[in-house]
């Protein structure tokens, strides 16, 4: 699945009892997300910017994507960087939603 394909999908609600993605599927989906890394039960990437204004504009765009998809990352915001981590807490691991949202963030950088 390519970055464009997964970014066109919409997040689906995950309930307890839904299985987390198996490691092979997670690794396969990760191939379409440049710079994202698998770390324990989450995927993460640090985005770097020229200044604080660009960083905060990106954070605000993440908030818009999160609200629209009803799927929210953990953020660590610095002056010129933002680390984004996705995991689906309701299922205790990774879901396709994590990869959908990560792909949507990658598309934000094309604007």
N, C-alpha and C. Protein backbone atom coordinates (compact mmCIF):
# COMPACT_ATOMS: atom_id res chain seq x y z
N UNK A 1 0.86 -1.17 0.00
CA UNK A 1 0.00 0.00 0.00
C UNK A 1 0.90 1.23 0.00
N UNK A 2 0.62 2.19 -0.88
CA UNK A 2 1.44 3.39 -0.97
C UNK A 2 0.97 4.46 0.00
N UNK A 3 1.80 5.49 0.16
CA UNK A 3 1.47 6.61 1.03
C UNK A 3 0.16 7.26 0.59
N UNK A 4 -0.01 7.43 -0.72
CA UNK A 4 -1.25 8.04 -1.23
C UNK A 4 -2.45 7.18 -0.92
N UNK A 5 -2.32 5.87 -1.10
CA UNK A 5 -3.43 4.96 -0.84
C UNK A 5 -3.90 5.03 0.61
N UNK A 6 -2.96 4.93 1.53
CA UNK A 6 -3.35 4.90 2.93
C UNK A 6 -3.84 6.26 3.41
N UNK A 7 -3.29 7.34 2.86
CA UNK A 7 -3.72 8.68 3.26
C UNK A 7 -5.14 8.99 2.81
N UNK A 8 -5.64 8.28 1.82
CA UNK A 8 -7.01 8.48 1.33
C UNK A 8 -8.04 7.76 2.20
N UNK A 9 -7.60 6.88 3.07
CA UNK A 9 -8.52 6.13 3.93
C UNK A 9 -8.94 6.98 5.11
N UNK A 10 -9.99 6.57 5.79
CA UNK A 10 -10.47 7.25 6.99
C UNK A 10 -10.34 6.29 8.18
N UNK A 11 -10.07 6.86 9.34
CA UNK A 11 -9.96 6.06 10.55
C UNK A 11 -11.31 5.45 10.91
N UNK A 12 -11.25 4.23 11.43
CA UNK A 12 -12.44 3.52 11.89
C UNK A 12 -12.31 3.32 13.40
N UNK A 13 -13.43 3.40 14.13
CA UNK A 13 -13.35 3.20 15.58
C UNK A 13 -12.77 1.83 15.93
N UNK A 14 -11.90 1.81 16.91
CA UNK A 14 -11.32 0.56 17.42
C UNK A 14 -11.86 0.34 18.82
N UNK A 15 -12.37 -0.81 19.06
CA UNK A 15 -12.91 -1.17 20.36
C UNK A 15 -11.99 -2.19 21.00
N UNK A 16 -12.09 -2.30 22.32
CA UNK A 16 -11.38 -3.36 23.01
C UNK A 16 -11.81 -4.69 22.40
N UNK A 17 -10.88 -5.60 22.24
CA UNK A 17 -11.17 -6.87 21.60
C UNK A 17 -10.73 -6.89 20.15
N UNK A 18 -10.54 -5.72 19.56
CA UNK A 18 -9.97 -5.63 18.21
C UNK A 18 -8.49 -5.96 18.34
N UNK A 19 -8.01 -6.80 17.46
CA UNK A 19 -6.60 -7.19 17.53
C UNK A 19 -5.69 -6.09 16.99
N UNK A 20 -4.56 -5.89 17.65
CA UNK A 20 -3.53 -4.99 17.15
C UNK A 20 -2.91 -5.61 15.91
N UNK A 21 -2.32 -4.76 15.07
CA UNK A 21 -1.65 -5.27 13.88
C UNK A 21 -0.49 -6.18 14.27
N UNK A 22 -0.30 -7.23 13.49
CA UNK A 22 0.85 -8.10 13.74
C UNK A 22 2.12 -7.38 13.26
N UNK A 23 3.28 -7.75 13.78
CA UNK A 23 4.53 -7.06 13.44
C UNK A 23 4.81 -7.00 11.93
N UNK A 24 4.51 -8.06 11.19
CA UNK A 24 4.79 -8.07 9.75
C UNK A 24 3.94 -7.04 9.02
N UNK A 25 2.68 -6.92 9.39
CA UNK A 25 1.80 -5.94 8.76
C UNK A 25 2.25 -4.53 9.10
N UNK A 26 2.61 -4.31 10.37
CA UNK A 26 3.09 -2.99 10.80
C UNK A 26 4.35 -2.61 10.02
N UNK A 27 5.29 -3.53 9.89
CA UNK A 27 6.53 -3.26 9.15
C UNK A 27 6.23 -2.96 7.68
N UNK A 28 5.28 -3.68 7.10
CA UNK A 28 4.91 -3.46 5.71
C UNK A 28 4.30 -2.07 5.51
N UNK A 29 3.41 -1.67 6.39
CA UNK A 29 2.80 -0.34 6.30
C UNK A 29 3.83 0.76 6.55
N UNK A 30 4.78 0.48 7.40
CA UNK A 30 5.81 1.46 7.74
C UNK A 30 6.68 1.81 6.52
N UNK A 31 6.80 0.89 5.59
CA UNK A 31 7.61 1.13 4.39
C UNK A 31 7.11 2.31 3.57
N UNK A 32 5.82 2.63 3.67
CA UNK A 32 5.27 3.74 2.89
C UNK A 32 5.37 5.08 3.62
N UNK A 33 5.95 5.08 4.83
CA UNK A 33 6.04 6.30 5.64
C UNK A 33 7.50 6.69 5.85
N UNK A 34 8.03 7.59 5.01
CA UNK A 34 9.45 7.94 5.13
C UNK A 34 9.79 8.59 6.47
N UNK A 35 10.82 8.06 7.11
CA UNK A 35 11.31 8.64 8.36
C UNK A 35 10.59 8.18 9.61
N UNK A 36 9.49 7.44 9.47
CA UNK A 36 8.77 6.94 10.64
C UNK A 36 9.47 5.67 11.12
N UNK A 37 9.48 5.48 12.45
CA UNK A 37 10.12 4.31 13.05
C UNK A 37 9.16 3.60 13.97
N UNK A 38 9.33 2.30 14.04
CA UNK A 38 8.57 1.48 14.97
C UNK A 38 9.33 1.45 16.28
N UNK A 39 8.66 1.81 17.36
CA UNK A 39 9.29 1.84 18.67
C UNK A 39 8.32 1.23 19.66
N UNK A 40 8.61 0.01 20.08
CA UNK A 40 7.72 -0.75 20.96
C UNK A 40 6.34 -0.87 20.32
N UNK A 41 5.31 -0.33 20.96
CA UNK A 41 3.93 -0.46 20.48
C UNK A 41 3.45 0.80 19.77
N UNK A 42 4.38 1.59 19.18
CA UNK A 42 3.99 2.83 18.53
C UNK A 42 4.86 3.11 17.32
N UNK A 43 4.39 4.04 16.48
CA UNK A 43 5.23 4.56 15.42
C UNK A 43 5.49 6.02 15.74
N UNK A 44 6.68 6.51 15.36
CA UNK A 44 7.01 7.88 15.70
C UNK A 44 7.96 8.49 14.66
N UNK A 45 7.90 9.82 14.60
CA UNK A 45 8.78 10.58 13.72
C UNK A 45 8.97 11.96 14.31
N UNK A 46 10.18 12.50 14.17
CA UNK A 46 10.45 13.88 14.55
C UNK A 46 10.52 14.72 13.28
N UNK A 47 9.68 15.75 13.25
CA UNK A 47 9.63 16.70 12.14
C UNK A 47 10.43 17.93 12.54
N UNK A 48 11.28 18.42 11.65
CA UNK A 48 12.11 19.59 11.92
C UNK A 48 11.68 20.76 11.04
N UNK A 49 11.73 21.97 11.61
CA UNK A 49 11.27 23.16 10.92
C UNK A 49 12.30 24.27 11.04
N UNK A 50 12.08 25.36 10.28
CA UNK A 50 13.01 26.50 10.29
C UNK A 50 12.88 27.35 11.54
N UNK A 51 11.69 27.38 12.13
CA UNK A 51 11.46 28.27 13.26
C UNK A 51 10.25 27.81 14.07
N UNK A 52 9.98 28.51 15.15
CA UNK A 52 8.87 28.15 16.03
C UNK A 52 7.52 28.33 15.35
N UNK A 53 7.39 29.36 14.54
CA UNK A 53 6.14 29.61 13.84
C UNK A 53 5.76 28.41 12.97
N UNK A 54 6.71 27.88 12.19
CA UNK A 54 6.42 26.73 11.34
C UNK A 54 6.08 25.50 12.18
N UNK A 55 6.79 25.34 13.29
CA UNK A 55 6.50 24.21 14.18
C UNK A 55 5.07 24.29 14.69
N UNK A 56 4.67 25.46 15.17
CA UNK A 56 3.32 25.61 15.72
C UNK A 56 2.24 25.52 14.65
N UNK A 57 2.53 25.98 13.45
CA UNK A 57 1.57 25.82 12.35
C UNK A 57 1.35 24.33 12.07
N UNK A 58 2.42 23.54 12.12
CA UNK A 58 2.31 22.10 11.91
C UNK A 58 1.51 21.46 13.05
N UNK A 59 1.78 21.86 14.27
CA UNK A 59 1.04 21.33 15.42
C UNK A 59 -0.46 21.62 15.27
N UNK A 60 -0.80 22.83 14.84
CA UNK A 60 -2.21 23.16 14.63
C UNK A 60 -2.82 22.33 13.51
N UNK A 61 -2.06 22.05 12.47
CA UNK A 61 -2.56 21.19 11.40
C UNK A 61 -2.76 19.76 11.91
N UNK A 62 -1.87 19.29 12.77
CA UNK A 62 -2.04 17.96 13.39
C UNK A 62 -3.35 17.93 14.18
N UNK A 63 -3.63 19.01 14.91
CA UNK A 63 -4.88 19.07 15.69
C UNK A 63 -6.10 18.95 14.78
N UNK A 64 -6.03 19.57 13.61
CA UNK A 64 -7.15 19.48 12.67
C UNK A 64 -7.33 18.05 12.17
N UNK A 65 -6.23 17.40 11.76
CA UNK A 65 -6.30 16.01 11.31
C UNK A 65 -6.82 15.12 12.43
N UNK A 66 -6.32 15.31 13.64
CA UNK A 66 -6.72 14.49 14.79
C UNK A 66 -8.22 14.62 15.06
N UNK A 67 -8.72 15.83 15.00
CA UNK A 67 -10.14 16.07 15.23
C UNK A 67 -10.97 15.41 14.14
N UNK A 68 -10.56 15.59 12.91
CA UNK A 68 -11.31 15.04 11.77
C UNK A 68 -11.33 13.52 11.79
N UNK A 69 -10.23 12.90 12.17
CA UNK A 69 -10.13 11.44 12.18
C UNK A 69 -10.50 10.83 13.53
N UNK A 70 -10.66 11.66 14.55
CA UNK A 70 -10.93 11.19 15.91
C UNK A 70 -9.87 10.17 16.35
N UNK A 71 -8.63 10.52 16.06
CA UNK A 71 -7.49 9.67 16.43
C UNK A 71 -6.34 10.62 16.75
N UNK A 72 -5.82 10.54 17.96
CA UNK A 72 -4.95 11.58 18.48
C UNK A 72 -3.56 11.05 18.84
N UNK A 73 -2.52 11.76 18.40
CA UNK A 73 -1.15 11.34 18.71
C UNK A 73 -0.66 11.93 20.03
N UNK A 74 0.46 11.43 20.47
CA UNK A 74 1.23 12.06 21.53
C UNK A 74 2.20 12.99 20.83
N UNK A 75 2.36 14.21 21.35
CA UNK A 75 3.26 15.19 20.74
C UNK A 75 4.29 15.66 21.75
N UNK A 76 5.52 15.87 21.27
CA UNK A 76 6.53 16.58 22.04
C UNK A 76 6.96 17.73 21.15
N UNK A 77 6.66 18.94 21.60
CA UNK A 77 6.88 20.12 20.78
C UNK A 77 8.06 20.91 21.32
N UNK A 78 9.01 21.18 20.43
CA UNK A 78 10.15 22.03 20.75
C UNK A 78 10.11 23.30 19.92
N UNK A 79 11.16 24.08 20.01
CA UNK A 79 11.22 25.34 19.27
C UNK A 79 11.17 25.11 17.75
N UNK A 80 11.98 24.18 17.26
CA UNK A 80 12.06 23.93 15.82
C UNK A 80 11.80 22.47 15.46
N UNK A 81 11.10 21.76 16.35
CA UNK A 81 10.80 20.36 16.04
C UNK A 81 9.55 19.90 16.76
N UNK A 82 9.00 18.81 16.25
CA UNK A 82 7.83 18.19 16.86
C UNK A 82 7.93 16.68 16.66
N UNK A 83 7.96 15.94 17.76
CA UNK A 83 7.96 14.48 17.67
C UNK A 83 6.52 14.02 17.80
N UNK A 84 6.08 13.21 16.85
CA UNK A 84 4.73 12.68 16.81
C UNK A 84 4.79 11.18 17.03
N UNK A 85 3.97 10.68 17.94
CA UNK A 85 3.89 9.24 18.22
C UNK A 85 2.45 8.80 18.13
N UNK A 86 2.22 7.73 17.39
CA UNK A 86 0.88 7.15 17.28
C UNK A 86 0.87 5.73 17.83
N UNK A 87 -0.19 5.43 18.55
CA UNK A 87 -0.49 4.09 19.05
C UNK A 87 -1.98 4.08 19.36
N UNK A 88 -2.60 2.94 19.22
CA UNK A 88 -4.03 2.85 19.52
C UNK A 88 -4.20 2.24 20.90
N UNK A 89 -4.39 3.11 21.89
CA UNK A 89 -4.43 2.68 23.29
C UNK A 89 -5.56 1.71 23.57
N UNK A 90 -6.68 1.86 22.89
CA UNK A 90 -7.85 1.00 23.14
C UNK A 90 -7.56 -0.47 22.85
N UNK A 91 -6.59 -0.74 21.96
CA UNK A 91 -6.27 -2.12 21.63
C UNK A 91 -4.87 -2.52 22.10
N UNK A 92 -4.17 -1.59 22.73
CA UNK A 92 -2.86 -1.90 23.28
C UNK A 92 -1.78 -2.16 22.25
N UNK A 93 -1.86 -1.47 21.13
CA UNK A 93 -0.87 -1.65 20.07
C UNK A 93 -1.18 -0.77 18.89
N UNK A 94 -0.70 -1.19 17.75
CA UNK A 94 -0.89 -0.41 16.53
C UNK A 94 -2.12 -0.87 15.76
N UNK A 95 -2.82 0.10 15.19
CA UNK A 95 -3.94 -0.19 14.30
C UNK A 95 -3.67 0.50 12.97
N UNK A 96 -4.46 0.19 11.98
CA UNK A 96 -4.33 0.86 10.69
C UNK A 96 -4.54 2.37 10.86
N UNK A 97 -5.35 2.78 11.83
CA UNK A 97 -5.59 4.20 12.08
C UNK A 97 -4.29 4.97 12.31
N UNK A 98 -3.35 4.36 13.01
CA UNK A 98 -2.07 5.02 13.28
C UNK A 98 -1.34 5.35 11.98
N UNK A 99 -1.38 4.42 11.05
CA UNK A 99 -0.70 4.61 9.77
C UNK A 99 -1.46 5.57 8.86
N UNK A 100 -2.78 5.54 8.92
CA UNK A 100 -3.61 6.49 8.16
C UNK A 100 -3.27 7.91 8.59
N UNK A 101 -3.25 8.17 9.88
CA UNK A 101 -2.98 9.52 10.37
C UNK A 101 -1.54 9.94 10.07
N UNK A 102 -0.60 9.03 10.21
CA UNK A 102 0.79 9.35 9.88
C UNK A 102 0.92 9.74 8.41
N UNK A 103 0.24 9.02 7.54
CA UNK A 103 0.28 9.33 6.11
C UNK A 103 -0.35 10.69 5.83
N UNK A 104 -1.41 11.02 6.53
CA UNK A 104 -2.05 12.34 6.37
C UNK A 104 -1.09 13.45 6.79
N UNK A 105 -0.31 13.22 7.85
CA UNK A 105 0.66 14.23 8.27
C UNK A 105 1.75 14.41 7.21
N UNK A 106 2.18 13.32 6.58
CA UNK A 106 3.16 13.44 5.52
C UNK A 106 2.63 14.31 4.39
N UNK A 107 1.36 14.21 4.08
CA UNK A 107 0.77 15.03 3.01
C UNK A 107 0.70 16.49 3.41
N UNK A 108 0.62 16.79 4.69
CA UNK A 108 0.60 18.19 5.13
C UNK A 108 1.87 18.91 4.69
N UNK A 109 2.96 18.21 4.65
CA UNK A 109 4.24 18.82 4.29
C UNK A 109 4.33 19.17 2.82
N UNK A 110 3.40 18.65 2.01
CA UNK A 110 3.40 18.94 0.58
C UNK A 110 2.66 20.23 0.26
N UNK A 111 1.93 20.75 1.22
CA UNK A 111 1.11 21.94 0.98
C UNK A 111 1.99 23.17 0.93
